[in-house]
Amino acid sequence: IESKCAFCYLDNGKKRWVEDYFNLYDRVILVGETLSDGTIADRNRIYFNEWYLKSLNSSYIKPLDFPYWNSFRSDIARRLYEYLSFISFATKCKPFSIEYYRLCQFLPITPQKYFSQACQKMQRAHQELMKTGFLKKVAWRESKTDPKKWIITYYFGLRAKSELQRGFKDDTYRPA
């Protein structure tokens, strides 16, 4: 990862922004592998990189509501929730626009050639997120610079706003 102030941590009560190249993990040990003390690992172990661990421990992350995520039937809805959940946190739930082809890079889908197919591919995920109140509205439009490119604007609903206000204050975000 190349971080240009994307990761932040607390150092003696002061925010420090990371500008560095690093991996998320320093080390991974799988069940059955030999540990440094000669014993055999009885479970998988992941050792986070120091920068990443400091960022996590400083709570500079967007918590994910795992039970809510798990309630989606569509894999696209799950991944879209993960992505938009972070965006809603960063934008404080202001409307967010993204080019369809760019969004496809973050989702488990192949970009569609035709507008009607793109809408159809995203429809179920959009409906799930609107039905549960995470999204209030989704609007598609052609790009002003290229009519073959489409822009999707997401309007966040009450659930997204509730997640923003709630933050880390309750047990919803405890690890599963």
Protein backbone atom coordinates (compact mmCIF):
# COMPACT_ATOMS: atom_id res chain seq x y z
CA ILE A 1 0.00 0.00 0.00
CA GLU A 2 1.19 3.47 -0.76
CA SER A 3 -0.23 5.77 1.90
CA LYS A 4 -0.23 9.50 1.35
CA CYS A 5 -2.00 10.50 4.56
CA ALA A 6 -4.60 7.75 4.16
CA PHE A 7 -3.72 6.09 7.47
CA CYS A 8 -3.72 7.97 10.74
CA TYR A 9 -2.83 6.99 14.30
CA LEU A 10 -2.43 8.60 17.70
CA ASP A 11 1.08 9.16 19.00
CA ASN A 12 1.09 10.57 22.56
CA GLY A 13 -2.35 12.10 21.95
CA LYS A 14 -1.35 13.73 18.67
CA LYS A 15 -2.60 12.60 15.23
CA ARG A 16 0.13 11.32 12.93
CA TRP A 17 -0.54 10.75 9.23
CA VAL A 18 1.30 7.92 7.47
CA GLU A 19 3.20 8.63 4.27
CA ASP A 20 4.87 5.34 3.49
CA TYR A 21 4.79 2.11 1.48
CA PHE A 22 3.77 -0.97 3.46
CA ASN A 23 1.82 -4.23 3.55
CA LEU A 24 -1.19 -4.80 5.78
CA TYR A 25 0.39 -7.91 7.24
CA ASP A 26 3.92 -8.42 8.51
CA ARG A 27 3.48 -12.17 8.83
CA VAL A 28 0.95 -14.95 8.28
CA ILE A 29 1.19 -18.36 9.95
CA LEU A 30 -1.20 -21.14 8.96
CA VAL A 31 -2.41 -24.08 11.04
CA GLY A 32 0.22 -26.81 11.14
CA GLU A 33 3.20 -24.54 10.47
CA THR A 34 6.09 -24.40 12.90
CA LEU A 35 6.23 -21.34 15.15
CA SER A 36 9.45 -19.55 16.13
CA ASP A 37 9.50 -21.43 19.47
CA GLY A 38 9.34 -24.81 17.67
CA THR A 39 5.68 -25.58 18.50
CA ILE A 40 3.07 -26.23 15.83
CA ALA A 41 0.44 -23.56 15.17
CA ASP A 42 -3.02 -24.73 16.29
CA ARG A 43 -4.77 -21.87 14.47
CA ASN A 44 -4.12 -19.37 11.69
CA ARG A 45 -2.31 -16.25 12.86
CA ILE A 46 -2.02 -12.88 11.20
CA TYR A 47 0.42 -10.25 12.41
CA PHE A 48 -0.62 -6.78 11.26
CA ASN A 49 1.87 -4.23 10.05
CA GLU A 50 2.77 -1.65 12.71
CA TRP A 51 1.22 1.31 10.79
CA TYR A 52 -2.01 -0.56 10.12
CA LEU A 53 -2.26 -1.81 13.72
CA LYS A 54 -1.70 1.71 15.10
CA SER A 55 -4.42 3.02 12.79
CA LEU A 56 -6.87 0.30 13.89
CA ASN A 57 -6.07 0.79 17.57
CA SER A 58 -6.59 4.55 17.23
CA SER A 59 -10.12 3.89 15.86
CA TYR A 60 -9.49 5.77 12.61
CA ILE A 61 -11.60 3.32 10.70
CA LYS A 62 -15.21 3.10 9.58
CA PRO A 63 -16.87 0.33 11.55
CA LEU A 64 -18.93 -2.13 9.52
CA ASP A 65 -22.26 -3.42 10.81
CA PHE A 66 -21.60 -7.13 10.21
CA PRO A 67 -25.11 -8.44 11.03
CA TYR A 68 -26.54 -5.86 8.60
CA TRP A 69 -23.93 -6.77 5.96
CA ASN A 70 -24.77 -10.45 6.44
CA SER A 71 -28.48 -9.77 5.89
CA PHE A 72 -27.98 -8.96 2.20
CA ARG A 73 -28.86 -11.63 -0.30
CA SER A 74 -26.80 -10.14 -3.11
CA ASP A 75 -23.00 -10.24 -3.09
CA ILE A 76 -23.04 -6.97 -5.01
CA ALA A 77 -25.18 -5.38 -2.28
CA ARG A 78 -22.69 -6.56 0.35
CA ARG A 79 -19.71 -5.15 -1.46
CA LEU A 80 -21.57 -1.94 -2.34
CA TYR A 81 -22.51 -1.51 1.32
CA GLU A 82 -18.85 -1.94 2.34
CA TYR A 83 -17.75 0.67 -0.17
CA LEU A 84 -20.58 3.16 0.40
CA SER A 85 -20.39 2.74 4.16
CA PHE A 86 -16.86 4.09 4.05
CA ILE A 87 -17.91 6.87 1.65
CA SER A 88 -20.87 7.86 3.85
CA PHE A 89 -18.50 8.17 6.81
CA ALA A 90 -15.97 10.23 4.83
CA THR A 91 -18.56 12.57 3.27
CA LYS A 92 -20.77 12.78 6.37
CA CYS A 93 -23.64 11.33 4.28
CA LYS A 94 -23.58 13.98 1.56
CA PRO A 95 -24.62 12.74 -1.91
CA PHE A 96 -21.79 10.93 -3.66
CA SER A 97 -21.25 10.52 -7.41
CA ILE A 98 -19.00 8.00 -9.12
CA GLU A 99 -18.50 6.86 -12.69
CA TYR A 100 -20.07 3.43 -13.23
CA TYR A 101 -16.90 1.91 -14.72
CA ARG A 102 -14.86 3.14 -11.76
CA LEU A 103 -17.39 1.69 -9.30
CA CYS A 104 -17.15 -1.69 -11.04
CA GLN A 105 -13.47 -1.80 -10.02
CA PHE A 106 -14.60 -1.94 -6.38
CA LEU A 107 -17.43 -4.44 -6.87
CA PRO A 108 -17.44 -8.07 -7.94
CA ILE A 109 -18.91 -7.23 -11.36
CA THR A 110 -17.77 -6.78 -14.94
CA PRO A 111 -18.72 -3.42 -16.47
CA GLN A 112 -21.60 -3.72 -18.90
CA LYS A 113 -21.44 -2.29 -22.41
CA TYR A 114 -25.01 -1.01 -22.53
CA PHE A 115 -26.75 1.35 -20.12
CA SER A 116 -29.81 -0.90 -19.70
CA GLN A 117 -27.59 -3.88 -18.80
CA ALA A 118 -25.61 -1.80 -16.31
CA CYS A 119 -28.81 -0.66 -14.60
CA GLN A 120 -30.17 -4.19 -14.55
CA LYS A 121 -26.93 -5.59 -13.06
CA MET A 122 -27.00 -3.03 -10.22
CA GLN A 123 -30.78 -2.99 -9.66
CA ARG A 124 -31.04 -5.74 -7.04
CA ALA A 125 -28.19 -4.31 -4.93
CA HIS A 126 -29.65 -0.81 -5.14
CA GLN A 127 -33.09 -2.09 -4.16
CA GLU A 128 -31.72 -3.96 -1.12
CA LEU A 129 -29.84 -0.89 0.10
CA MET A 130 -32.87 1.38 -0.43
CA LYS A 131 -35.34 -1.09 1.11
CA THR A 132 -33.27 -1.22 4.31
CA GLY A 133 -32.85 2.57 4.42
CA PHE A 134 -29.12 2.76 3.85
CA LEU A 135 -29.77 4.56 0.58
CA LYS A 136 -32.56 7.05 0.06
CA LYS A 137 -32.19 7.31 -3.70
CA VAL A 138 -29.95 6.28 -6.60
CA ALA A 139 -29.73 8.42 -9.74
CA TRP A 140 -28.04 7.56 -13.04
CA ARG A 141 -27.00 10.09 -15.70
CA GLU A 142 -24.75 10.29 -18.72
CA SER A 143 -21.36 11.90 -18.32
CA LYS A 144 -21.21 15.44 -19.74
CA THR A 145 -17.90 14.65 -21.42
CA ASP A 146 -18.72 11.21 -22.81
CA PRO A 147 -22.29 9.93 -23.39
CA LYS A 148 -20.99 6.33 -23.29
CA LYS A 149 -20.00 6.80 -19.65
CA TRP A 150 -22.55 6.89 -16.85
CA ILE A 151 -22.45 8.53 -13.46
CA ILE A 152 -24.27 7.09 -10.44
CA THR A 153 -25.20 9.41 -7.59
CA TYR A 154 -25.97 7.88 -4.22
CA TYR A 155 -28.16 9.67 -1.68
CA PHE A 156 -27.75 8.25 1.79
CA GLY A 157 -30.77 7.27 3.85
CA LEU A 158 -31.64 7.20 7.53
CA ARG A 159 -29.70 4.01 8.25
CA ALA A 160 -26.44 5.48 6.88
CA LYS A 161 -27.04 8.67 8.86
CA SER A 162 -27.75 6.60 11.97
CA GLU A 163 -24.48 4.67 11.51
CA LEU A 164 -22.63 7.97 11.18
CA GLN A 165 -24.14 9.36 14.39
CA ARG A 166 -23.75 6.11 16.31
CA GLY A 167 -20.09 5.59 15.40
CA PHE A 168 -18.41 3.38 18.00
CA LYS A 169 -20.86 4.15 20.80
CA ASP A 170 -22.67 0.81 20.95
CA ASP A 171 -21.98 -2.92 20.60
CA THR A 172 -23.15 -3.14 16.98
CA TYR A 173 -19.60 -3.04 15.69
CA ARG A 174 -18.02 -5.62 17.95
CA PRO A 175 -16.10 -8.19 15.84
CA ALA A 176 -18.13 -11.23 14.84
